[in-house]
Amino acid sequence: MTPEELASKGERTRAAILDAAYDLFLSQGYSATSMRQIAQKVGIALGGIYNHFGSKDEIFQALIINKHPYLQILPVLQAAPGETTEEFIRNASRLVQQEMGQRPDFIKLMFIEIVEFEGRHFPKVLETIFPMAFPLIQRFIAPGSGVRQDIPTAHLIRAFIGNILAFYLTDFLTRQASVPPGIRDMRLEDFMEIFMHGILEFRSQNAE
């Protein structure tokens, strides 16, 4: 077998390990999944996993980066039209919701990260995403975009990401038919309108 064939076989095995672990983590949780179960699902010896991953945690870290929806969402955001940030956010919200509608697995993956790991892998995800998202961030905060320049950029980024995550967390929790339609049918665009404009009515400084 040539070096190229060996590399290709190794890549296929690595991908099969990730796919098997992904299915098991989502169906039964991270803690309840063993390396032996992953190996059995792939059809390899237990020791074969350790040729590719040093631990179960390393597998999960690879998954949360490789399966994170930023791979689909960032290109969508970059292509979203809009002359101002407000127009851009409205258009981007619609496109992101369409894209995320095809990724119900992401919420389960995020719950595992929050509950079982207490967000330990998020800095690595942010480190991976940020260079790819930086041109988008520059567009978002550029002078003339309509965004207040007195708000620190880091605060804007965190608030923007937080609103998107909050929408999908609450969307996951309100999918039951018994939840009132007015709550269940809220859109990401509605969340982002509140993010942009707040909830308090504008009052003149001269008003008593």
C-alpha atoms as a PDB file:
ATOM      1  CA  MET A   1       0.000   0.000   0.000  1.00  0.00           C
ATOM      2  CA  THR A   2       1.403   3.387  -1.010  1.00  0.00           C
ATOM      3  CA  PRO A   3       1.853   6.288   1.468  1.00  0.00           C
ATOM      4  CA  GLU A   4      -1.003   8.078  -0.273  1.00  0.00           C
ATOM      5  CA  GLU A   5      -3.301   5.075   0.182  1.00  0.00           C
ATOM      6  CA  LEU A   6      -2.295   4.768   3.836  1.00  0.00           C
ATOM      7  CA  ALA A   7      -3.026   8.455   4.400  1.00  0.00           C
ATOM      8  CA  SER A   8      -6.380   8.135   2.668  1.00  0.00           C
ATOM      9  CA  LYS A   9      -7.287   5.089   4.769  1.00  0.00           C
ATOM     10  CA  GLY A  10      -6.249   6.932   7.920  1.00  0.00           C
ATOM     11  CA  GLU A  11      -8.408   9.919   6.996  1.00  0.00           C
ATOM     12  CA  ARG A  12     -11.398   7.671   6.361  1.00  0.00           C
ATOM     13  CA  THR A  13     -10.926   5.934   9.708  1.00  0.00           C
ATOM     14  CA  ARG A  14     -10.610   9.251  11.519  1.00  0.00           C
ATOM     15  CA  ALA A  15     -13.796  10.512   9.850  1.00  0.00           C
ATOM     16  CA  ALA A  16     -15.609   7.268  10.743  1.00  0.00           C
ATOM     17  CA  ILE A  17     -14.549   7.649  14.392  1.00  0.00           C
ATOM     18  CA  LEU A  18     -15.887  11.200  14.476  1.00  0.00           C
ATOM     19  CA  ASP A  19     -19.174  10.195  12.842  1.00  0.00           C
ATOM     20  CA  ALA A  20     -19.660   7.275  15.228  1.00  0.00           C
ATOM     21  CA  ALA A  21     -18.819   9.367  18.288  1.00  0.00           C
ATOM     22  CA  TYR A  22     -21.141  12.108  17.089  1.00  0.00           C
ATOM     23  CA  ASP A  23     -24.097   9.737  16.793  1.00  0.00           C
ATOM     24  CA  LEU A  24     -23.409   8.198  20.194  1.00  0.00           C
ATOM     25  CA  PHE A  25     -22.865  11.517  21.982  1.00  0.00           C
ATOM     26  CA  LEU A  26     -26.140  12.899  20.625  1.00  0.00           C
ATOM     27  CA  SER A  27     -28.170   9.759  21.354  1.00  0.00           C
ATOM     28  CA  GLN A  28     -26.869   8.888  24.834  1.00  0.00           C
ATOM     29  CA  GLY A  29     -24.690  11.772  26.013  1.00  0.00           C
ATOM     30  CA  TYR A  30     -20.950  12.224  26.342  1.00  0.00           C
ATOM     31  CA  SER A  31     -20.457  10.636  29.781  1.00  0.00           C
ATOM     32  CA  ALA A  32     -22.498   7.543  28.899  1.00  0.00           C
ATOM     33  CA  THR A  33     -20.429   6.909  25.769  1.00  0.00           C
ATOM     34  CA  SER A  34     -17.234   4.876  26.053  1.00  0.00           C
ATOM     35  CA  MET A  35     -14.281   4.641  23.712  1.00  0.00           C
ATOM     36  CA  ARG A  36     -15.068   0.927  23.374  1.00  0.00           C
ATOM     37  CA  GLN A  37     -18.589   1.729  22.125  1.00  0.00           C
ATOM     38  CA  ILE A  38     -17.156   4.143  19.569  1.00  0.00           C
ATOM     39  CA  ALA A  39     -14.678   1.515  18.366  1.00  0.00           C
ATOM     40  CA  GLN A  40     -17.418  -1.120  18.087  1.00  0.00           C
ATOM     41  CA  LYS A  41     -19.612   1.229  16.064  1.00  0.00           C
ATOM     42  CA  VAL A  42     -16.727   1.953  13.676  1.00  0.00           C
ATOM     43  CA  GLY A  43     -15.765  -1.715  13.494  1.00  0.00           C
ATOM     44  CA  ILE A  44     -12.168  -1.356  14.682  1.00  0.00           C
ATOM     45  CA  ALA A  45     -10.197  -2.524  17.702  1.00  0.00           C
ATOM     46  CA  LEU A  46     -10.211  -0.219  20.720  1.00  0.00           C
ATOM     47  CA  GLY A  47      -6.510   0.479  20.274  1.00  0.00           C
ATOM     48  CA  GLY A  48      -7.190   1.679  16.739  1.00  0.00           C
ATOM     49  CA  ILE A  49      -8.907   4.805  18.041  1.00  0.00           C
ATOM     50  CA  TYR A  50      -5.754   5.863  19.868  1.00  0.00           C
ATOM     51  CA  ASN A  51      -3.872   5.993  16.575  1.00  0.00           C
ATOM     52  CA  HIS A  52      -6.038   9.025  15.779  1.00  0.00           C
ATOM     53  CA  PHE A  53      -7.193  10.510  19.098  1.00  0.00           C
ATOM     54  CA  GLY A  54      -5.516  10.579  22.479  1.00  0.00           C
ATOM     55  CA  SER A  55      -8.744  10.654  24.474  1.00  0.00           C
ATOM     56  CA  LYS A  56     -12.523  10.890  24.302  1.00  0.00           C
ATOM     57  CA  ASP A  57     -12.239  14.585  25.167  1.00  0.00           C
ATOM     58  CA  GLU A  58     -10.013  15.084  22.127  1.00  0.00           C
ATOM     59  CA  ILE A  59     -12.698  13.477  19.957  1.00  0.00           C
ATOM     60  CA  PHE A  60     -15.349  15.791  21.338  1.00  0.00           C
ATOM     61  CA  GLN A  61     -13.156  18.850  20.801  1.00  0.00           C
ATOM     62  CA  ALA A  62     -12.649  17.850  17.168  1.00  0.00           C
ATOM     63  CA  LEU A  63     -16.393  17.341  16.803  1.00  0.00           C
ATOM     64  CA  ILE A  64     -17.438  20.665  18.267  1.00  0.00           C
ATOM     65  CA  ILE A  65     -15.076  22.425  15.864  1.00  0.00           C
ATOM     66  CA  ASN A  66     -15.699  20.292  12.763  1.00  0.00           C
ATOM     67  CA  LYS A  67     -19.470  19.994  13.265  1.00  0.00           C
ATOM     68  CA  HIS A  68     -20.052  23.561  14.431  1.00  0.00           C
ATOM     69  CA  PRO A  69     -22.514  25.315  12.096  1.00  0.00           C
ATOM     70  CA  TYR A  70     -20.143  28.255  11.549  1.00  0.00           C
ATOM     71  CA  LEU A  71     -18.866  26.272   8.560  1.00  0.00           C
ATOM     72  CA  GLN A  72     -22.268  26.809   6.940  1.00  0.00           C
ATOM     73  CA  ILE A  73     -23.315  30.053   8.614  1.00  0.00           C
ATOM     74  CA  LEU A  74     -20.245  32.237   8.008  1.00  0.00           C
ATOM     75  CA  PRO A  75     -20.492  32.034   4.201  1.00  0.00           C
ATOM     76  CA  VAL A  76     -24.211  32.828   4.521  1.00  0.00           C
ATOM     77  CA  LEU A  77     -23.496  35.877   6.685  1.00  0.00           C
ATOM     78  CA  GLN A  78     -20.742  37.091   4.384  1.00  0.00           C
ATOM     79  CA  ALA A  79     -23.131  36.941   1.426  1.00  0.00           C
ATOM     80  CA  ALA A  80     -26.046  38.624   3.228  1.00  0.00           C
ATOM     81  CA  PRO A  81     -27.012  41.909   1.506  1.00  0.00           C
ATOM     82  CA  GLY A  82     -27.509  45.223   3.271  1.00  0.00           C
ATOM     83  CA  GLU A  83     -26.223  48.776   2.874  1.00  0.00           C
ATOM     84  CA  THR A  84     -26.449  49.413   6.638  1.00  0.00           C
ATOM     85  CA  THR A  85     -25.843  47.152   9.620  1.00  0.00           C
ATOM     86  CA  GLU A  86     -29.578  47.187  10.356  1.00  0.00           C
ATOM     87  CA  GLU A  87     -30.442  45.919   6.878  1.00  0.00           C
ATOM     88  CA  PHE A  88     -27.637  43.405   7.059  1.00  0.00           C
ATOM     89  CA  ILE A  89     -28.799  41.985  10.418  1.00  0.00           C
ATOM     90  CA  ARG A  90     -32.379  41.617   9.198  1.00  0.00           C
ATOM     91  CA  ASN A  91     -31.308  39.798   6.043  1.00  0.00           C
ATOM     92  CA  ALA A  92     -28.689  37.718   7.844  1.00  0.00           C
ATOM     93  CA  SER A  93     -31.223  36.649  10.492  1.00  0.00           C
ATOM     94  CA  ARG A  94     -33.534  35.197   7.848  1.00  0.00           C
ATOM     95  CA  LEU A  95     -30.687  33.363   6.131  1.00  0.00           C
ATOM     96  CA  VAL A  96     -29.225  32.002   9.377  1.00  0.00           C
ATOM     97  CA  GLN A  97     -32.615  30.705  10.508  1.00  0.00           C
ATOM     98  CA  GLN A  98     -33.073  28.911   7.195  1.00  0.00           C
ATOM     99  CA  GLU A  99     -29.618  27.350   7.497  1.00  0.00           C
ATOM    100  CA  MET A 100     -29.952  26.403  11.166  1.00  0.00           C
ATOM    101  CA  GLY A 101     -33.324  24.818  10.481  1.00  0.00           C
ATOM    102  CA  GLN A 102     -31.306  22.054   8.840  1.00  0.00           C
ATOM    103  CA  ARG A 103     -29.088  21.569  11.916  1.00  0.00           C
ATOM    104  CA  PRO A 104     -31.278  20.452  14.870  1.00  0.00           C
ATOM    105  CA  ASP A 105     -28.315  18.403  16.101  1.00  0.00           C
ATOM    106  CA  PHE A 106     -26.341  21.530  16.965  1.00  0.00           C
ATOM    107  CA  ILE A 107     -28.489  22.384  19.982  1.00  0.00           C
ATOM    108  CA  LYS A 108     -27.885  18.940  21.481  1.00  0.00           C
ATOM    109  CA  LEU A 109     -24.163  19.308  20.883  1.00  0.00           C
ATOM    110  CA  MET A 110     -24.227  22.721  22.540  1.00  0.00           C
ATOM    111  CA  PHE A 111     -26.081  21.341  25.573  1.00  0.00           C
ATOM    112  CA  ILE A 112     -23.387  18.677  25.989  1.00  0.00           C
ATOM    113  CA  GLU A 113     -20.708  21.379  25.854  1.00  0.00           C
ATOM    114  CA  ILE A 114     -22.521  23.558  28.407  1.00  0.00           C
ATOM    115  CA  VAL A 115     -23.725  20.860  30.833  1.00  0.00           C
ATOM    116  CA  GLU A 116     -20.966  18.261  30.709  1.00  0.00           C
ATOM    117  CA  PHE A 117     -17.971  20.481  29.958  1.00  0.00           C
ATOM    118  CA  GLU A 118     -19.124  23.833  31.391  1.00  0.00           C
ATOM    119  CA  GLY A 119     -18.093  25.529  28.147  1.00  0.00           C
ATOM    120  CA  ARG A 120     -14.474  24.410  28.352  1.00  0.00           C
ATOM    121  CA  HIS A 121     -14.068  24.044  24.591  1.00  0.00           C
ATOM    122  CA  PHE A 122     -15.641  27.380  23.633  1.00  0.00           C
ATOM    123  CA  PRO A 123     -12.335  29.343  23.695  1.00  0.00           C
ATOM    124  CA  LYS A 124     -10.937  26.912  21.120  1.00  0.00           C
ATOM    125  CA  VAL A 125     -14.038  27.317  18.962  1.00  0.00           C
ATOM    126  CA  LEU A 126     -13.746  31.098  19.227  1.00  0.00           C
ATOM    127  CA  GLU A 127     -10.062  30.898  18.317  1.00  0.00           C
ATOM    128  CA  THR A 128     -10.983  28.925  15.206  1.00  0.00           C
ATOM    129  CA  ILE A 129     -13.928  31.093  14.185  1.00  0.00           C
ATOM    130  CA  PHE A 130     -12.555  34.569  14.835  1.00  0.00           C
ATOM    131  CA  PRO A 131     -10.031  34.792  11.940  1.00  0.00           C
ATOM    132  CA  MET A 132     -12.755  33.663   9.545  1.00  0.00           C
ATOM    133  CA  ALA A 133     -15.305  36.078  10.993  1.00  0.00           C
ATOM    134  CA  PHE A 134     -13.034  39.130  11.275  1.00  0.00           C
ATOM    135  CA  PRO A 135     -13.956  40.647   7.846  1.00  0.00           C
ATOM    136  CA  LEU A 136     -17.616  40.291   8.813  1.00  0.00           C
ATOM    137  CA  ILE A 137     -16.992  41.991  12.157  1.00  0.00           C
ATOM    138  CA  GLN A 138     -15.248  44.895  10.411  1.00  0.00           C
ATOM    139  CA  ARG A 139     -18.282  45.345   8.190  1.00  0.00           C
ATOM    140  CA  PHE A 140     -20.559  45.186  11.223  1.00  0.00           C
ATOM    141  CA  ILE A 141     -18.796  47.956  13.178  1.00  0.00           C
ATOM    142  CA  ALA A 142     -17.425  50.199  10.427  1.00  0.00           C
ATOM    143  CA  PRO A 143     -18.021  53.968  10.756  1.00  0.00           C
ATOM    144  CA  GLY A 144     -21.189  54.860   8.879  1.00  0.00           C
ATOM    145  CA  SER A 145     -22.684  51.420   9.482  1.00  0.00           C
ATOM    146  CA  GLY A 146     -25.168  52.848  11.969  1.00  0.00           C
ATOM    147  CA  VAL A 147     -23.626  51.067  14.953  1.00  0.00           C
ATOM    148  CA  ARG A 148     -22.788  53.150  18.028  1.00  0.00           C
ATOM    149  CA  GLN A 149     -19.052  53.715  18.116  1.00  0.00           C
ATOM    150  CA  ASP A 150     -18.938  54.119  21.908  1.00  0.00           C
ATOM    151  CA  ILE A 151     -19.681  50.434  22.551  1.00  0.00           C
ATOM    152  CA  PRO A 152     -16.545  48.244  22.798  1.00  0.00           C
ATOM    153  CA  THR A 153     -16.217  45.894  19.852  1.00  0.00           C
ATOM    154  CA  ALA A 154     -15.863  42.866  22.126  1.00  0.00           C
ATOM    155  CA  HIS A 155     -19.166  43.747  23.811  1.00  0.00           C
ATOM    156  CA  LEU A 156     -20.935  44.027  20.463  1.00  0.00           C
ATOM    157  CA  ILE A 157     -19.589  40.668  19.321  1.00  0.00           C
ATOM    158  CA  ARG A 158     -20.588  38.928  22.537  1.00  0.00           C
ATOM    159  CA  ALA A 159     -24.065  40.477  22.486  1.00  0.00           C
ATOM    160  CA  PHE A 160     -24.558  39.511  18.839  1.00  0.00           C
ATOM    161  CA  ILE A 161     -23.485  35.890  19.415  1.00  0.00           C
ATOM    162  CA  GLY A 162     -25.453  35.767  22.670  1.00  0.00           C
ATOM    163  CA  ASN A 163     -28.679  36.774  20.970  1.00  0.00           C
ATOM    164  CA  ILE A 164     -28.330  34.075  18.324  1.00  0.00           C
ATOM    165  CA  LEU A 165     -27.541  31.393  20.918  1.00  0.00           C
ATOM    166  CA  ALA A 166     -30.386  32.590  23.165  1.00  0.00           C
ATOM    167  CA  PHE A 167     -32.823  32.288  20.285  1.00  0.00           C
ATOM    168  CA  TYR A 168     -31.859  28.689  19.517  1.00  0.00           C
ATOM    169  CA  LEU A 169     -31.817  27.636  23.160  1.00  0.00           C
ATOM    170  CA  THR A 170     -35.304  29.036  23.753  1.00  0.00           C
ATOM    171  CA  ASP A 171     -36.482  27.705  20.390  1.00  0.00           C
ATOM    172  CA  PHE A 172     -35.396  24.216  21.478  1.00  0.00           C
ATOM    173  CA  LEU A 173     -37.284  24.585  24.763  1.00  0.00           C
ATOM    174  CA  THR A 174     -40.510  25.926  23.240  1.00  0.00           C
ATOM    175  CA  ARG A 175     -41.088  23.443  20.417  1.00  0.00           C
ATOM    176  CA  GLN A 176     -43.827  21.558  22.270  1.00  0.00           C
ATOM    177  CA  ALA A 177     -47.334  22.059  20.882  1.00  0.00           C
ATOM    178  CA  SER A 178     -48.557  23.015  24.371  1.00  0.00           C
ATOM    179  CA  VAL A 179     -46.424  26.180  24.311  1.00  0.00           C
ATOM    180  CA  PRO A 180     -48.515  29.233  23.269  1.00  0.00           C
ATOM    181  CA  PRO A 181     -48.039  30.045  19.554  1.00  0.00           C
ATOM    182  CA  GLY A 182     -46.993  33.626  20.300  1.00  0.00           C
ATOM    183  CA  ILE A 183     -43.958  32.260  22.120  1.00  0.00           C
ATOM    184  CA  ARG A 184     -43.327  29.205  19.974  1.00  0.00           C
ATOM    185  CA  ASP A 185     -43.459  31.012  16.638  1.00  0.00           C
ATOM    186  CA  MET A 186     -40.949  33.782  17.401  1.00  0.00           C
ATOM    187  CA  ARG A 187     -38.266  34.219  14.725  1.00  0.00           C
ATOM    188  CA  LEU A 188     -34.557  34.975  14.970  1.00  0.00           C
ATOM    189  CA  GLU A 189     -35.349  38.198  13.141  1.00  0.00           C
ATOM    190  CA  ASP A 190     -37.634  39.205  16.053  1.00  0.00           C
ATOM    191  CA  PHE A 191     -34.805  38.561  18.517  1.00  0.00           C
ATOM    192  CA  MET A 192     -32.421  40.690  16.490  1.00  0.00           C
ATOM    193  CA  GLU A 193     -34.911  43.559  16.214  1.00  0.00           C
ATOM    194  CA  ILE A 194     -34.931  43.747  20.005  1.00  0.00           C
ATOM    195  CA  PHE A 195     -31.122  43.503  19.991  1.00  0.00           C
ATOM    196  CA  MET A 196     -30.890  46.467  17.623  1.00  0.00           C
ATOM    197  CA  HIS A 197     -33.593  48.713  19.071  1.00  0.00           C
ATOM    198  CA  GLY A 198     -34.075  47.625  22.687  1.00  0.00           C
ATOM    199  CA  ILE A 199     -37.381  47.497  24.549  1.00  0.00           C
ATOM    200  CA  LEU A 200     -37.665  50.998  26.028  1.00  0.00           C
ATOM    201  CA  GLU A 201     -39.547  53.767  24.252  1.00  0.00           C
ATOM    202  CA  PHE A 202     -37.452  56.767  23.302  1.00  0.00           C
ATOM    203  CA  ARG A 203     -38.034  59.800  25.500  1.00  0.00           C
ATOM    204  CA  SER A 204     -36.811  63.312  24.919  1.00  0.00           C
ATOM    205  CA  GLN A 205     -34.261  64.620  27.425  1.00  0.00           C
ATOM    206  CA  ASN A 206     -36.663  67.502  28.069  1.00  0.00           C
ATOM    207  CA  ALA A 207     -39.511  65.178  29.005  1.00  0.00           C
ATOM    208  CA  GLU A 208     -40.437  65.228  32.679  1.00  0.00           C
END
